[in-house]
Protein backbone atom coordinates (compact mmCIF):
# COMPACT_ATOMS: atom_id res chain seq x y z
CA MET A 1 129.66 104.26 100.69
CA LYS A 2 128.82 108.29 101.76
CA GLN A 3 127.53 108.67 105.26
CA ALA A 4 124.66 111.15 106.17
CA ARG A 5 125.69 114.53 107.87
CA LEU A 6 123.18 115.07 109.43
CA PRO A 7 120.65 111.35 110.68
CA LEU A 8 117.77 111.43 108.29
CA PRO A 9 114.02 111.14 110.48
CA LEU A 10 114.10 108.02 112.09
CA ALA A 11 111.14 106.19 109.39
CA ILE A 12 113.36 106.97 106.45
CA ALA A 13 116.35 105.84 108.12
CA ALA A 14 115.27 102.60 108.80
CA ALA A 15 114.38 102.08 105.31
CA PHE A 16 117.42 103.00 103.98
CA CYS A 17 119.42 100.51 106.71
CA LEU A 18 116.84 97.79 105.74
CA LEU A 19 117.05 97.98 102.27
CA ILE A 20 120.91 98.76 102.08
CA LEU A 21 122.01 96.70 104.88
CA GLY A 22 119.32 94.13 105.62
CA ALA A 23 119.92 93.51 101.40
CA SER A 24 123.79 92.46 102.20
CA CYS A 25 126.53 94.62 101.54
CA ALA A 26 127.21 96.53 98.15
CA ASN A 27 130.61 95.95 98.32
CA ARG A 28 130.75 92.40 98.13
CA GLY A 29 131.20 90.55 94.95
CA LEU A 30 129.83 87.04 95.29
CA GLY A 31 128.80 83.75 92.80
CA GLY A 32 128.12 81.49 93.31
CA ALA A 33 126.34 77.83 93.27
CA PRO A 34 121.68 78.05 93.28
CA LYS A 35 120.69 76.25 96.97
CA SER A 36 118.30 73.99 97.02
CA ALA A 37 115.09 74.69 98.35
CA ALA A 38 112.88 72.84 101.17
CA PRO A 39 109.63 70.96 99.57
CA GLY A 40 107.02 73.51 101.26
CA THR A 41 105.51 72.90 105.02
CA GLU A 42 102.37 74.76 106.61
CA THR A 43 102.80 76.88 109.73
CA GLY A 44 101.07 79.25 111.23
CA GLY A 45 123.58 98.02 81.80
CA ARG A 46 126.94 97.90 83.57
CA SER A 47 128.73 94.63 84.51
CA VAL A 48 126.33 93.17 87.42
CA PRO A 49 125.11 90.14 86.96
CA GLN A 50 124.80 88.37 84.21
CA ARG A 51 122.68 85.23 82.97
CA THR A 52 123.39 82.24 84.40
CA GLY A 53 122.11 80.09 81.17
CA GLU A 54 120.09 77.99 83.30
CA ASN A 55 116.68 79.48 83.28
CA THR A 56 114.48 79.70 80.24
CA GLY A 57 110.83 79.81 80.18
CA LEU A 58 110.52 82.57 82.42
CA ALA A 59 108.24 85.44 80.71
CA GLY A 60 108.26 89.31 81.67
CA ARG A 61 111.14 92.43 83.38
CA ILE A 62 112.44 92.62 86.73
CA ALA A 63 113.19 95.69 88.24
CA PHE A 64 115.43 95.76 90.48
CA GLN A 65 118.31 97.87 92.52
CA GLY A 66 121.56 96.98 92.02
CA ALA A 67 125.10 98.01 93.25
CA GLU A 68 128.70 97.68 91.30
CA PRO A 69 131.31 96.83 94.24
CA GLY A 70 132.12 100.24 95.91
CA HIS A 71 128.75 102.46 94.02
CA LYS A 72 125.68 103.26 94.93
CA PHE A 73 122.40 101.66 94.33
CA GLN A 74 120.91 102.48 91.61
CA ILE A 75 117.40 100.57 88.87
CA TYR A 76 117.96 98.18 86.92
CA VAL A 77 115.85 96.28 84.79
CA MET A 78 116.27 92.68 83.18
CA ASN A 79 114.44 89.84 81.37
CA ALA A 80 113.10 87.67 83.97
CA ASP A 81 115.69 85.06 83.34
CA GLY A 82 118.63 87.45 83.77
CA SER A 83 119.62 88.26 80.11
CA GLY A 84 119.49 92.09 79.22
CA ILE A 85 120.29 93.87 81.81
CA THR A 86 120.33 97.45 81.55
CA ARG A 87 121.11 99.96 83.75
CA LEU A 88 118.30 103.11 84.14
CA THR A 89 119.58 105.49 86.89
CA ASN A 90 123.30 107.16 87.14
CA THR A 91 123.08 109.70 90.08
CA ASP A 92 122.40 109.59 93.90
CA GLU A 93 120.95 106.25 95.22
CA ASN A 94 118.11 105.08 94.28
CA LEU A 95 116.04 102.24 95.50
CA ALA A 96 112.81 100.02 95.96
CA PRO A 97 111.95 100.39 92.13
CA ARG A 98 108.34 99.24 91.17
CA TRP A 99 106.66 98.83 87.92
CA SER A 100 102.82 100.85 86.75
CA PRO A 101 100.26 98.15 86.31
CA ASP A 102 100.74 98.80 82.60
CA GLY A 103 105.04 98.61 82.41
CA SER A 104 105.61 101.93 80.90
CA ARG A 105 107.00 104.12 84.12
CA ILE A 106 108.85 102.84 86.78
CA ALA A 107 107.89 104.75 90.60
CA PHE A 108 111.09 104.61 92.99
CA LEU A 109 112.82 106.00 96.39
CA CYS A 110 115.60 108.41 95.30
CA LEU A 111 117.83 109.53 98.65
CA ARG A 112 119.50 111.99 97.67
CA GLU A 113 122.96 113.57 99.12
CA HIS A 114 123.02 117.78 100.05
CA SER A 115 124.66 119.83 103.15
CA MET A 116 122.61 118.65 105.36
CA GLY A 117 121.77 115.23 105.33
CA TRP A 118 120.06 112.83 103.18
CA ASP A 119 116.42 113.62 101.18
CA ALA A 120 114.09 110.67 100.36
CA ASN A 121 111.16 111.01 98.00
CA ILE A 122 109.46 108.65 95.04
CA HIS A 123 110.75 109.11 91.70
CA VAL A 124 108.91 108.24 88.70
CA MET A 125 109.86 107.40 85.41
CA ASN A 126 109.44 106.27 82.12
CA ALA A 127 110.60 102.65 81.68
CA ASP A 128 113.46 103.19 79.70
CA GLY A 129 114.63 105.27 82.16
CA ALA A 130 113.32 108.74 80.34
CA ALA A 131 111.58 111.65 81.45
CA LEU A 132 112.51 111.21 85.27
CA THR A 133 110.24 113.42 87.78
CA PRO A 134 110.15 114.13 91.21
CA LEU A 135 106.74 113.27 92.25
CA THR A 136 107.36 114.52 95.89
CA HIS A 137 109.36 117.03 97.72
CA THR A 138 109.71 116.52 101.76
CA GLY A 139 112.91 114.43 101.53
CA ARG A 140 110.60 111.86 103.98
CA ASP A 141 109.25 109.20 101.71
CA ALA A 142 109.53 105.70 101.08
CA THR A 143 107.98 102.36 99.50
CA PRO A 144 105.94 103.47 96.76
CA ALA A 145 103.16 101.43 95.41
CA TRP A 146 100.83 101.65 92.15
CA SER A 147 96.71 101.35 92.27
CA PRO A 148 96.10 98.42 90.00
CA ASP A 149 94.61 100.90 87.33
CA GLY A 150 97.73 102.50 87.24
CA ARG A 151 96.28 106.39 88.27
CA GLN A 152 97.53 106.17 92.34
CA ILE A 153 100.65 105.18 94.43
CA ALA A 154 100.43 105.06 97.64
CA PHE A 155 103.27 105.15 99.96
CA ILE A 156 105.07 105.48 103.37
CA ARG A 157 106.23 109.37 104.79
CA SER A 158 107.89 109.55 107.65
CA GLN A 159 106.90 111.89 110.72
CA ALA A 160 108.73 112.38 113.38
CA GLU A 161 108.91 109.09 115.44
CA LYS A 162 105.91 107.86 113.23
CA THR A 163 105.19 106.32 110.24
CA ALA A 164 101.60 107.46 107.87
CA ILE A 165 100.48 105.60 104.65
CA TYR A 166 99.74 108.23 101.95
CA VAL A 167 98.16 107.94 98.52
CA MET A 168 98.62 110.43 95.75
CA ASN A 169 97.95 110.79 92.50
CA ALA A 170 100.65 109.37 89.61
CA ASP A 171 101.63 112.53 88.51
CA GLY A 172 102.51 112.98 92.22
CA SER A 173 98.60 115.18 92.92
CA ALA A 174 96.61 115.25 95.35
CA GLN A 175 98.21 113.69 98.44
CA ARG A 176 96.23 112.61 101.79
CA ARG A 177 96.82 110.22 104.22
CA LEU A 178 94.82 107.21 104.81
CA ALA A 179 96.51 105.75 107.93
CA SER A 180 99.17 106.29 110.54
CA SER A 181 101.47 104.15 112.87
CA ARG A 182 103.95 104.88 115.61
CA ASP A 183 106.04 102.48 113.89
CA PRO A 184 109.36 103.56 112.33
CA MET A 185 110.79 100.49 110.74
CA GLY A 186 107.21 100.80 108.76
CA SER A 187 109.00 102.68 106.41
CA ASN A 188 110.05 99.32 104.41
CA THR A 189 108.88 96.69 106.00
CA GLY A 190 106.13 95.82 103.04
CA LEU A 191 103.06 97.56 100.77
CA ALA A 192 101.20 96.73 98.16
CA TRP A 193 97.72 97.15 96.99
CA LEU A 194 95.54 94.21 95.94
CA PRO A 195 94.68 93.36 92.30
CA ASP A 196 90.97 94.34 93.56
CA GLY A 197 92.06 97.90 94.05
CA ARG A 198 90.31 98.03 97.63
CA ARG A 199 92.71 96.87 99.74
CA ILE A 200 96.04 97.93 100.95
CA LEU A 201 98.76 95.75 102.63
CA LEU A 202 101.61 96.40 104.52
CA SER A 203 103.45 95.39 107.32
CA ALA A 204 103.44 96.73 111.06
CA LYS A 205 103.39 96.43 114.85
CA ARG A 206 100.67 95.78 117.07
CA ASP A 207 101.09 93.95 120.49
CA GLY A 208 104.80 93.85 120.01
CA ASN A 209 104.41 91.70 116.82
CA ARG A 210 105.36 92.81 113.62
CA ASP A 211 101.95 91.27 111.62
CA ILE A 212 100.56 91.80 107.74
CA PHE A 213 97.45 93.41 107.79
CA ALA A 214 94.89 94.71 105.07
CA ILE A 215 93.62 98.70 105.06
CA ARG A 216 90.80 99.38 102.53
CA ALA A 217 92.59 101.84 99.77
CA ASN A 218 90.25 104.93 101.88
CA GLY A 219 92.27 103.76 105.38
CA THR A 220 88.96 102.24 107.28
CA GLY A 221 88.71 98.75 108.20
CA GLN A 222 92.53 97.09 109.09
CA THR A 223 92.23 93.35 109.42
CA ARG A 224 95.09 91.31 110.56
CA LEU A 225 96.00 88.43 108.40
CA THR A 226 99.25 87.09 110.73
CA ASN A 227 99.43 86.86 114.42
CA HIS A 228 102.55 84.89 115.14
CA PRO A 229 105.57 85.93 117.81
CA GLY A 230 108.18 86.04 114.66
CA ALA A 231 108.56 89.02 112.28
CA ASP A 232 106.23 88.91 109.36
CA PHE A 233 106.77 91.42 105.92
CA PHE A 234 107.32 92.62 102.13
CA PRO A 235 103.47 90.98 101.73
CA ALA A 236 103.18 90.44 97.76
CA PRO A 237 99.97 89.61 96.33
CA SER A 238 100.00 87.28 93.83
CA PRO A 239 98.05 88.55 89.93
CA ASP A 240 95.20 87.26 90.98
CA GLY A 241 94.37 88.04 94.50
CA ARG A 242 93.87 84.75 96.22
CA LYS A 243 97.53 84.24 97.60
CA ILE A 244 99.75 86.68 99.39
CA ALA A 245 103.69 86.20 99.28
CA PHE A 246 105.89 87.00 102.50
CA VAL A 247 108.92 86.65 104.27
CA SER A 248 108.85 85.52 108.26
CA ASN A 249 111.34 84.70 110.81
CA ARG A 250 109.04 82.47 112.65
CA ASP A 251 110.44 79.25 112.21
CA GLY A 252 114.62 79.87 113.62
CA GLY A 253 115.23 83.41 112.70
CA LYS A 254 116.45 83.33 109.24
CA THR A 255 114.14 85.67 107.08
CA GLU A 256 112.62 82.86 104.87
CA LEU A 257 109.45 82.72 101.93
CA TYR A 258 106.10 82.18 102.73
CA VAL A 259 102.50 81.79 100.89
CA MET A 260 99.18 81.68 102.45
CA ASN A 261 95.59 82.38 100.92
CA ALA A 262 94.61 86.16 100.92
CA ASP A 263 92.37 86.04 103.88
CA GLY A 264 96.13 84.87 105.89
CA SER A 265 94.70 81.06 106.10
CA ARG A 266 97.02 78.51 105.55
CA GLN A 267 100.46 79.90 105.58
CA ILE A 268 103.19 77.89 104.09
CA ARG A 269 107.10 77.86 104.06
CA LEU A 270 108.19 77.86 100.65
CA THR A 271 112.10 78.09 102.06
CA ASN A 272 114.77 76.18 103.65
CA SER A 273 118.10 77.68 103.53
CA PRO A 274 120.73 79.33 105.89
CA ALA A 275 120.19 83.22 104.74
CA ASP A 276 117.94 85.81 104.19
CA GLU A 277 115.57 85.96 101.86
CA LEU A 278 113.92 88.86 101.01
CA TYR A 279 111.68 91.42 98.59
CA PRO A 280 109.19 88.54 97.26
CA THR A 281 107.46 88.86 93.50
CA TRP A 282 105.24 87.45 91.78
CA SER A 283 105.88 86.41 87.93
CA PRO A 284 102.78 87.45 85.94
CA ASP A 285 101.54 84.11 85.65
CA GLY A 286 101.43 83.31 89.46
CA ARG A 287 103.57 80.41 89.06
CA GLN A 288 106.72 81.86 89.90
CA ILE A 289 108.31 84.15 92.87
CA ALA A 290 111.07 85.89 92.38
CA PHE A 291 113.05 86.79 95.48
CA ALA A 292 116.44 88.61 96.87
CA ARG A 293 118.85 86.47 98.93
CA ARG A 294 120.98 88.59 101.25
CA ASP A 295 123.74 86.38 102.50
CA ASP A 296 125.16 86.01 98.54
CA GLY A 297 123.26 89.60 97.04
CA HIS A 298 121.35 87.92 93.99
CA LEU A 299 118.30 87.76 93.01
CA TYR A 300 116.44 84.19 92.62
CA ALA A 301 113.18 82.49 91.04
CA VAL A 302 110.83 79.69 93.08
CA SER A 303 107.57 77.77 91.77
CA ALA A 304 105.27 78.63 93.81
CA ASP A 305 104.50 75.63 95.43
CA GLY A 306 108.46 75.86 96.97
CA SER A 307 109.85 73.61 94.35
CA GLY A 308 112.60 74.01 91.64
CA GLU A 309 114.74 76.65 92.95
CA ARG A 310 116.69 79.31 90.99
CA ARG A 311 119.38 82.10 90.42
CA LEU A 312 118.50 84.73 88.15
CA THR A 313 121.62 86.46 88.35
CA SER A 314 125.46 85.99 89.10
CA GLY A 315 128.51 88.39 88.92
CA PRO A 316 129.89 90.61 91.44
CA GLY A 317 128.36 93.42 93.56
CA THR A 318 124.45 92.96 94.73
CA GLN A 319 120.93 92.70 93.48
CA THR A 320 117.82 93.25 95.39
CA SER A 321 114.37 94.62 95.35
CA PRO A 322 112.13 92.78 92.26
CA ASP A 323 109.52 93.82 91.16
CA TRP A 324 108.23 91.32 88.67
CA TRP A 325 106.45 92.62 85.67
CA GLY A 326 104.87 91.27 82.43
CA PRO A 327 101.23 91.65 80.52
CA PRO A 328 98.39 90.00 82.19
CA VAL A 329 97.87 86.03 81.84
CA ARG A 330 94.54 85.13 81.33
CA SER A 331 93.21 82.39 83.87
CA THR A 332 92.71 79.44 81.89
CA GLY A 333 90.29 78.11 85.15
CA HIS A 334 92.38 75.66 85.85
CA ARG A 335 94.14 76.96 89.38
CA LYS A 336 93.62 76.28 92.67
């Protein structure tokens, strides 16, 4: 993978490292059998993956960034069981795909190399890879997150050694800043809109801790949801907004998958493996959580209670940063 001739702005460089290096090395061709998760405990197309044959009953589509050995990351989509893999992009370095709420479009981070270094901008394309359009042009943008109505996209913009949360219309117009922070790693430690459209989740460093916060969609009223000496990041709300999945290294250094109530209460660990878990994303019915495992470069899914872990991908290269989409599932009223 080529190196930038000049350094990126600090925040975007941090995003680049976390998305690529933190997601495992793209030159590793690994397989291996899936590992079993421990019960939850409460605390404070090309030759990328093929269907494993053991995953059934998983609905919807998963977008992800994948890299074949020796190649740059591109955007792929697959069925939620790991079948039907299709590559959507072919040029530049393309990361962090995020479905629009109706599943018709995908926003993502495009890293483009030029004579002076790299530019990082938010692009959007149709779900089949057509009509690829840049939405930002500053060269300092990352981490797109759609509003629940699909009309807006929140994202992180690097400003010297600061990062700022911006919101723009889905066509790239009316870009406006909501909040800023001296947190260069905040450019890719998670950004997600809650289903009610009123608040945005983020990971930020305050008082020496990296924790999960919620702010109102107008940038006011920040609420701290976690407060732990470990690092908490990649918040992902459940489809009904009652739960938030996230990852943390609070219990022994490796990042594990956790879930909590939307108000920050009842924080429960779902996985217990020697590997790093990253990028949680919920199934449309809220019963499953997919995530990336750094050490082997594959995507996994686990039930929302931590049981039934299974691997979704296999084969060479690295697959990471998943985003699960499917038609909304109407609540039956029996879920707690």
